[in-house]
Each structure stands twice: as structure tokens, then as C-alpha cells.
């Protein structure tokens, strides 16, 4: 089970989960959150998890995700 509050808190003050470098942790969390959104769960910018919302936008804007989301 994903603890969304914990994940949101871990992003505060960081660019990515592991710091300044995009890593497997970012890919893993993004794919899980994307699955939740596809199932109808919302992580909006004005909601409870603004850091995760920013993270999702940044991750999904990367070329690697753009390719699979076409």
C-alpha cells in the first residue's frame, strides 16, 4: 500500500525522491500514482499532496514518459 502523505512529505525541498537526480524511485512512484489516477484517484495541485502533483507533472513531461503515454 502506498502512503501518499509520506511520499508527499519526502519531496519537500527536493527536486526528485533521491535528491537532484531522477532515479528509479521517481519512475516507480510515478507509475504507481499514474495507475491510481487511471482508476479515478485524483492528486490535484490544490489538494492534500501538492508536492506529488508537481512531481507527477515533471515526471510525465519527461521524454521517457511521453513516449509511453501517446
PDB file of N, CA and C in Angstrom:
ATOM      1  N   UNK A   1       0.843  -1.183   0.000  1.00  0.00           N
ATOM      2  CA  UNK A   1       0.000   0.000   0.000  1.00  0.00           C
ATOM      3  C   UNK A   1       0.888   1.247   0.000  1.00  0.00           C
ATOM      4  N   UNK A   2       0.492   2.238  -0.755  1.00  0.00           N
ATOM      5  CA  UNK A   2       1.240   3.484  -0.851  1.00  0.00           C
ATOM      6  C   UNK A   2       0.765   4.435   0.244  1.00  0.00           C
ATOM      7  N   UNK A   3       1.693   4.982   1.016  1.00  0.00           N
ATOM      8  CA  UNK A   3       1.351   6.018   1.981  1.00  0.00           C
ATOM      9  C   UNK A   3       1.596   7.360   1.292  1.00  0.00           C
ATOM     10  N   UNK A   4       0.542   7.945   0.768  1.00  0.00           N
ATOM     11  CA  UNK A   4       0.655   9.143  -0.055  1.00  0.00           C
ATOM     12  C   UNK A   4       1.134  10.342   0.761  1.00  0.00           C
ATOM     13  N   UNK A   5       0.709  10.457   1.997  1.00  0.00           N
ATOM     14  CA  UNK A   5       1.189  11.556   2.845  1.00  0.00           C
ATOM     15  C   UNK A   5       2.705  11.488   3.002  1.00  0.00           C
ATOM     16  N   UNK A   6       3.212  10.287   3.252  1.00  0.00           N
ATOM     17  CA  UNK A   6       4.649  10.088   3.422  1.00  0.00           C
ATOM     18  C   UNK A   6       5.406  10.477   2.153  1.00  0.00           C
ATOM     19  N   UNK A   7       4.931  10.010   1.007  1.00  0.00           N
ATOM     20  CA  UNK A   7       5.593  10.327  -0.257  1.00  0.00           C
ATOM     21  C   UNK A   7       5.606  11.832  -0.509  1.00  0.00           C
ATOM     22  N   UNK A   8       4.491  12.485  -0.259  1.00  0.00           N
ATOM     23  CA  UNK A   8       4.415  13.930  -0.454  1.00  0.00           C
ATOM     24  C   UNK A   8       5.438  14.635   0.445  1.00  0.00           C
ATOM     25  N   UNK A   9       5.520  14.226   1.699  1.00  0.00           N
ATOM     26  CA  UNK A   9       6.459  14.835   2.640  1.00  0.00           C
ATOM     27  C   UNK A   9       7.911  14.620   2.227  1.00  0.00           C
ATOM     28  N   UNK A  10       8.213  13.464   1.627  1.00  0.00           N
ATOM     29  CA  UNK A  10       9.590  13.165   1.220  1.00  0.00           C
ATOM     30  C   UNK A  10      10.072  14.049   0.075  1.00  0.00           C
ATOM     31  N   UNK A  11       9.155  14.652  -0.658  1.00  0.00           N
ATOM     32  CA  UNK A  11       9.536  15.509  -1.782  1.00  0.00           C
ATOM     33  C   UNK A  11       9.787  16.965  -1.384  1.00  0.00           C
ATOM     34  N   UNK A  12       9.371  17.348  -0.202  1.00  0.00           N
ATOM     35  CA  UNK A  12       9.528  18.745   0.202  1.00  0.00           C
ATOM     36  C   UNK A  12      11.001  19.139   0.196  1.00  0.00           C
ATOM     37  N   UNK A  13      11.304  20.195  -0.549  1.00  0.00           N
ATOM     38  CA  UNK A  13      12.663  20.701  -0.641  1.00  0.00           C
ATOM     39  C   UNK A  13      13.571  19.925  -1.570  1.00  0.00           C
ATOM     40  N   UNK A  14      13.042  18.937  -2.271  1.00  0.00           N
ATOM     41  CA  UNK A  14      13.843  18.120  -3.184  1.00  0.00           C
ATOM     42  C   UNK A  14      13.335  18.276  -4.615  1.00  0.00           C
ATOM     43  N   UNK A  15      14.224  18.059  -5.550  1.00  0.00           N
ATOM     44  CA  UNK A  15      13.826  18.030  -6.950  1.00  0.00           C
ATOM     45  C   UNK A  15      13.205  16.677  -7.286  1.00  0.00           C
ATOM     46  N   UNK A  16      13.844  15.607  -6.812  1.00  0.00           N
ATOM     47  CA  UNK A  16      13.390  14.242  -7.048  1.00  0.00           C
ATOM     48  C   UNK A  16      13.482  13.466  -5.735  1.00  0.00           C
ATOM     49  N   UNK A  17      12.975  12.249  -5.700  1.00  0.00           N
ATOM     50  CA  UNK A  17      12.980  11.483  -4.453  1.00  0.00           C
ATOM     51  C   UNK A  17      14.384  11.237  -3.911  1.00  0.00           C
ATOM     52  N   UNK A  18      15.352  11.002  -4.789  1.00  0.00           N
ATOM     53  CA  UNK A  18      16.714  10.727  -4.332  1.00  0.00           C
ATOM     54  C   UNK A  18      17.575  11.992  -4.292  1.00  0.00           C
ATOM     55  N   UNK A  19      16.971  13.148  -4.418  1.00  0.00           N
ATOM     56  CA  UNK A  19      17.719  14.407  -4.383  1.00  0.00           C
ATOM     57  C   UNK A  19      17.644  15.138  -5.704  1.00  0.00           C
ATOM     58  N   UNK A  20      18.819  15.399  -6.303  1.00  0.00           N
ATOM     59  CA  UNK A  20      18.870  16.173  -7.543  1.00  0.00           C
ATOM     60  C   UNK A  20      18.815  15.326  -8.805  1.00  0.00           C
ATOM     61  N   UNK A  21      18.933  14.019  -8.657  1.00  0.00           N
ATOM     62  CA  UNK A  21      18.969  13.127  -9.810  1.00  0.00           C
ATOM     63  C   UNK A  21      17.667  12.348  -9.945  1.00  0.00           C
ATOM     64  N   UNK A  22      17.148  12.292 -11.162  1.00  0.00           N
ATOM     65  CA  UNK A  22      15.984  11.458 -11.469  1.00  0.00           C
ATOM     66  C   UNK A  22      16.419  10.002 -11.329  1.00  0.00           C
ATOM     67  N   UNK A  23      15.636   9.194 -10.627  1.00  0.00           N
ATOM     68  CA  UNK A  23      16.066   7.828 -10.341  1.00  0.00           C
ATOM     69  C   UNK A  23      14.927   6.829 -10.508  1.00  0.00           C
ATOM     70  N   UNK A  24      15.248   5.587 -10.275  1.00  0.00           N
ATOM     71  CA  UNK A  24      14.257   4.521 -10.324  1.00  0.00           C
ATOM     72  C   UNK A  24      13.141   4.770  -9.315  1.00  0.00           C
ATOM     73  N   UNK A  25      13.456   5.402  -8.202  1.00  0.00           N
ATOM     74  CA  UNK A  25      12.426   5.724  -7.204  1.00  0.00           C
ATOM     75  C   UNK A  25      11.357   6.619  -7.812  1.00  0.00           C
ATOM     76  N   UNK A  26      11.767   7.598  -8.599  1.00  0.00           N
ATOM     77  CA  UNK A  26      10.819   8.509  -9.239  1.00  0.00           C
ATOM     78  C   UNK A  26       9.958   7.776 -10.260  1.00  0.00           C
ATOM     79  N   UNK A  27      10.578   6.904 -11.014  1.00  0.00           N
ATOM     80  CA  UNK A  27       9.834   6.122 -12.005  1.00  0.00           C
ATOM     81  C   UNK A  27       8.820   5.210 -11.312  1.00  0.00           C
ATOM     82  N   UNK A  28       9.255   4.541 -10.248  1.00  0.00           N
ATOM     83  CA  UNK A  28       8.378   3.623  -9.531  1.00  0.00           C
ATOM     84  C   UNK A  28       7.172   4.342  -8.933  1.00  0.00           C
ATOM     85  N   UNK A  29       7.412   5.473  -8.298  1.00  0.00           N
ATOM     86  CA  UNK A  29       6.305   6.211  -7.677  1.00  0.00           C
ATOM     87  C   UNK A  29       5.384   6.776  -8.747  1.00  0.00           C
ATOM     88  N   UNK A  30       5.950   7.324  -9.811  1.00  0.00           N
ATOM     89  CA  UNK A  30       5.126   7.906 -10.873  1.00  0.00           C
ATOM     90  C   UNK A  30       4.226   6.862 -11.512  1.00  0.00           C
ATOM     91  N   UNK A  31       4.749   5.678 -11.768  1.00  0.00           N
ATOM     92  CA  UNK A  31       3.907   4.655 -12.389  1.00  0.00           C
ATOM     93  C   UNK A  31       2.785   4.207 -11.458  1.00  0.00           C
ATOM     94  N   UNK A  32       3.065   4.117 -10.171  1.00  0.00           N
ATOM     95  CA  UNK A  32       2.019   3.749  -9.210  1.00  0.00           C
ATOM     96  C   UNK A  32       0.936   4.831  -9.135  1.00  0.00           C
ATOM     97  N   UNK A  33       1.366   6.093  -9.078  1.00  0.00           N
ATOM     98  CA  UNK A  33       0.403   7.195  -8.995  1.00  0.00           C
ATOM     99  C   UNK A  33      -0.390   7.336 -10.292  1.00  0.00           C
ATOM    100  N   UNK A  34       0.261   7.083 -11.402  1.00  0.00           N
ATOM    101  CA  UNK A  34      -0.432   7.125 -12.687  1.00  0.00           C
ATOM    102  C   UNK A  34      -1.524   6.060 -12.725  1.00  0.00           C
ATOM    103  N   UNK A  35      -1.216   4.881 -12.208  1.00  0.00           N
ATOM    104  CA  UNK A  35      -2.220   3.825 -12.120  1.00  0.00           C
ATOM    105  C   UNK A  35      -3.400   4.234 -11.255  1.00  0.00           C
ATOM    106  N   UNK A  36      -3.112   4.889 -10.126  1.00  0.00           N
ATOM    107  CA  UNK A  36      -4.191   5.379  -9.261  1.00  0.00           C
ATOM    108  C   UNK A  36      -5.060   6.399  -9.987  1.00  0.00           C
ATOM    109  N   UNK A  37      -4.417   7.319 -10.722  1.00  0.00           N
ATOM    110  CA  UNK A  37      -5.191   8.319 -11.464  1.00  0.00           C
ATOM    111  C   UNK A  37      -6.048   7.666 -12.541  1.00  0.00           C
ATOM    112  N   UNK A  38      -5.522   6.657 -13.198  1.00  0.00           N
ATOM    113  CA  UNK A  38      -6.298   5.956 -14.227  1.00  0.00           C
ATOM    114  C   UNK A  38      -7.514   5.254 -13.626  1.00  0.00           C
ATOM    115  N   UNK A  39      -7.421   4.938 -12.339  1.00  0.00           N
ATOM    116  CA  UNK A  39      -8.537   4.295 -11.639  1.00  0.00           C
ATOM    117  C   UNK A  39      -9.495   5.311 -11.022  1.00  0.00           C
ATOM    118  N   UNK A  40      -9.216   6.609 -11.237  1.00  0.00           N
ATOM    119  CA  UNK A  40     -10.129   7.644 -10.769  1.00  0.00           C
ATOM    120  C   UNK A  40      -9.685   8.417  -9.550  1.00  0.00           C
ATOM    121  N   UNK A  41      -8.520   8.092  -8.980  1.00  0.00           N
ATOM    122  CA  UNK A  41      -7.996   8.796  -7.820  1.00  0.00           C
ATOM    123  C   UNK A  41      -7.353  10.099  -8.287  1.00  0.00           C
ATOM    124  N   UNK A  42      -7.578  11.187  -7.572  1.00  0.00           N
ATOM    125  CA  UNK A  42      -7.064  12.485  -8.010  1.00  0.00           C
ATOM    126  C   UNK A  42      -5.965  12.997  -7.089  1.00  0.00           C
ATOM    127  N   UNK A  43      -4.864  13.404  -7.708  1.00  0.00           N
ATOM    128  CA  UNK A  43      -3.784  14.076  -6.986  1.00  0.00           C
ATOM    129  C   UNK A  43      -3.680  15.455  -7.630  1.00  0.00           C
ATOM    130  N   UNK A  44      -4.464  16.398  -7.109  1.00  0.00           N
ATOM    131  CA  UNK A  44      -4.519  17.714  -7.743  1.00  0.00           C
ATOM    132  C   UNK A  44      -3.600  18.706  -7.044  1.00  0.00           C
ATOM    133  N   UNK A  45      -3.261  19.779  -7.757  1.00  0.00           N
ATOM    134  CA  UNK A  45      -2.295  20.750  -7.235  1.00  0.00           C
ATOM    135  C   UNK A  45      -2.818  21.507  -6.026  1.00  0.00           C
ATOM    136  N   UNK A  46      -4.109  21.634  -5.882  1.00  0.00           N
ATOM    137  CA  UNK A  46      -4.675  22.379  -4.762  1.00  0.00           C
ATOM    138  C   UNK A  46      -5.147  21.461  -3.637  1.00  0.00           C
ATOM    139  N   UNK A  47      -4.867  20.188  -3.776  1.00  0.00           N
ATOM    140  CA  UNK A  47      -5.332  19.220  -2.791  1.00  0.00           C
ATOM    141  C   UNK A  47      -4.335  18.991  -1.674  1.00  0.00           C
ATOM    142  N   UNK A  48      -4.398  17.825  -1.131  1.00  0.00           N
ATOM    143  CA  UNK A  48      -3.616  17.456   0.041  1.00  0.00           C
ATOM    144  C   UNK A  48      -2.149  17.147  -0.285  1.00  0.00           C
ATOM    145  N   UNK A  49      -1.837  16.849  -1.542  1.00  0.00           N
ATOM    146  CA  UNK A  49      -0.490  16.406  -1.914  1.00  0.00           C
ATOM    147  C   UNK A  49       0.107  17.251  -3.045  1.00  0.00           C
ATOM    148  N   UNK A  50       0.360  18.529  -2.806  1.00  0.00           N
ATOM    149  CA  UNK A  50       0.870  19.394  -3.877  1.00  0.00           C
ATOM    150  C   UNK A  50       2.256  19.008  -4.385  1.00  0.00           C
ATOM    151  N   UNK A  51       3.105  18.475  -3.504  1.00  0.00           N
ATOM    152  CA  UNK A  51       4.445  18.069  -3.940  1.00  0.00           C
ATOM    153  C   UNK A  51       4.366  16.878  -4.896  1.00  0.00           C
ATOM    154  N   UNK A  52       3.485  15.948  -4.612  1.00  0.00           N
ATOM    155  CA  UNK A  52       3.311  14.804  -5.515  1.00  0.00           C
ATOM    156  C   UNK A  52       2.725  15.238  -6.849  1.00  0.00           C
ATOM    157  N   UNK A  53       1.827  16.206  -6.807  1.00  0.00           N
ATOM    158  CA  UNK A  53       1.261  16.718  -8.060  1.00  0.00           C
ATOM    159  C   UNK A  53       2.370  17.315  -8.928  1.00  0.00           C
ATOM    160  N   UNK A  54       3.237  18.127  -8.334  1.00  0.00           N
ATOM    161  CA  UNK A  54       4.360  18.711  -9.087  1.00  0.00           C
ATOM    162  C   UNK A  54       5.285  17.615  -9.612  1.00  0.00           C
ATOM    163  N   UNK A  55       5.534  16.629  -8.781  1.00  0.00           N
ATOM    164  CA  UNK A  55       6.401  15.519  -9.185  1.00  0.00           C
ATOM    165  C   UNK A  55       5.813  14.783 -10.381  1.00  0.00           C
ATOM    166  N   UNK A  56       4.520  14.507 -10.330  1.00  0.00           N
ATOM    167  CA  UNK A  56       3.859  13.821 -11.441  1.00  0.00           C
ATOM    168  C   UNK A  56       3.978  14.634 -12.732  1.00  0.00           C
ATOM    169  N   UNK A  57       3.725  15.931 -12.651  1.00  0.00           N
ATOM    170  CA  UNK A  57       3.812  16.769 -13.853  1.00  0.00           C
ATOM    171  C   UNK A  57       5.215  16.744 -14.431  1.00  0.00           C
ATOM    172  N   UNK A  58       6.230  16.870 -13.567  1.00  0.00           N
ATOM    173  CA  UNK A  58       7.622  16.855 -14.034  1.00  0.00           C
ATOM    174  C   UNK A  58       7.981  15.499 -14.635  1.00  0.00           C
ATOM    175  N   UNK A  59       7.582  14.432 -13.977  1.00  0.00           N
ATOM    176  CA  UNK A  59       7.915  13.091 -14.471  1.00  0.00           C
ATOM    177  C   UNK A  59       7.228  12.797 -15.792  1.00  0.00           C
ATOM    178  N   UNK A  60       5.939  13.096 -15.865  1.00  0.00           N
ATOM    179  CA  UNK A  60       5.189  12.798 -17.084  1.00  0.00           C
ATOM    180  C   UNK A  60       5.593  13.675 -18.256  1.00  0.00           C
ATOM    181  N   UNK A  61       6.276  14.785 -17.992  1.00  0.00           N
ATOM    182  CA  UNK A  61       6.766  15.662 -19.059  1.00  0.00           C
ATOM    183  C   UNK A  61       8.093  15.159 -19.644  1.00  0.00           C
ATOM    184  N   UNK A  62       8.722  14.212 -18.991  1.00  0.00           N
ATOM    185  CA  UNK A  62       9.986  13.664 -19.489  1.00  0.00           C
ATOM    186  C   UNK A  62       9.725  12.842 -20.753  1.00  0.00           C
ATOM    187  N   UNK A  63      10.696  12.849 -21.652  1.00  0.00           N
ATOM    188  CA  UNK A  63      10.544  12.130 -22.925  1.00  0.00           C
ATOM    189  C   UNK A  63      10.219  10.656 -22.716  1.00  0.00           C
ATOM    190  N   UNK A  64      10.802  10.046 -21.701  1.00  0.00           N
ATOM    191  CA  UNK A  64      10.565   8.613 -21.479  1.00  0.00           C
ATOM    192  C   UNK A  64       9.099   8.319 -21.182  1.00  0.00           C
ATOM    193  N   UNK A  65       8.429   9.212 -20.470  1.00  0.00           N
ATOM    194  CA  UNK A  65       7.006   9.005 -20.191  1.00  0.00           C
ATOM    195  C   UNK A  65       6.142   9.460 -21.355  1.00  0.00           C
ATOM    196  N   UNK A  66       6.537  10.520 -22.035  1.00  0.00           N
ATOM    197  CA  UNK A  66       5.752  10.990 -23.175  1.00  0.00           C
ATOM    198  C   UNK A  66       5.607   9.868 -24.209  1.00  0.00           C
ATOM    199  N   UNK A  67       6.650   9.118 -24.396  1.00  0.00           N
ATOM    200  CA  UNK A  67       6.657   8.042 -25.385  1.00  0.00           C
ATOM    201  C   UNK A  67       5.612   6.974 -25.056  1.00  0.00           C
ATOM    202  N   UNK A  68       5.518   6.590 -23.790  1.00  0.00           N
ATOM    203  CA  UNK A  68       4.593   5.520 -23.445  1.00  0.00           C
ATOM    204  C   UNK A  68       3.157   6.001 -23.245  1.00  0.00           C
ATOM    205  N   UNK A  69       2.959   7.303 -23.084  1.00  0.00           N
ATOM    206  CA  UNK A  69       1.611   7.832 -22.840  1.00  0.00           C
ATOM    207  C   UNK A  69       0.903   8.289 -24.108  1.00  0.00           C
ATOM    208  N   UNK A  70       1.522   8.089 -25.269  1.00  0.00           N
ATOM    209  CA  UNK A  70       0.894   8.515 -26.524  1.00  0.00           C
ATOM    210  C   UNK A  70      -0.358   7.743 -26.783  1.00  0.00           C
TER     211      UNK A  70
END
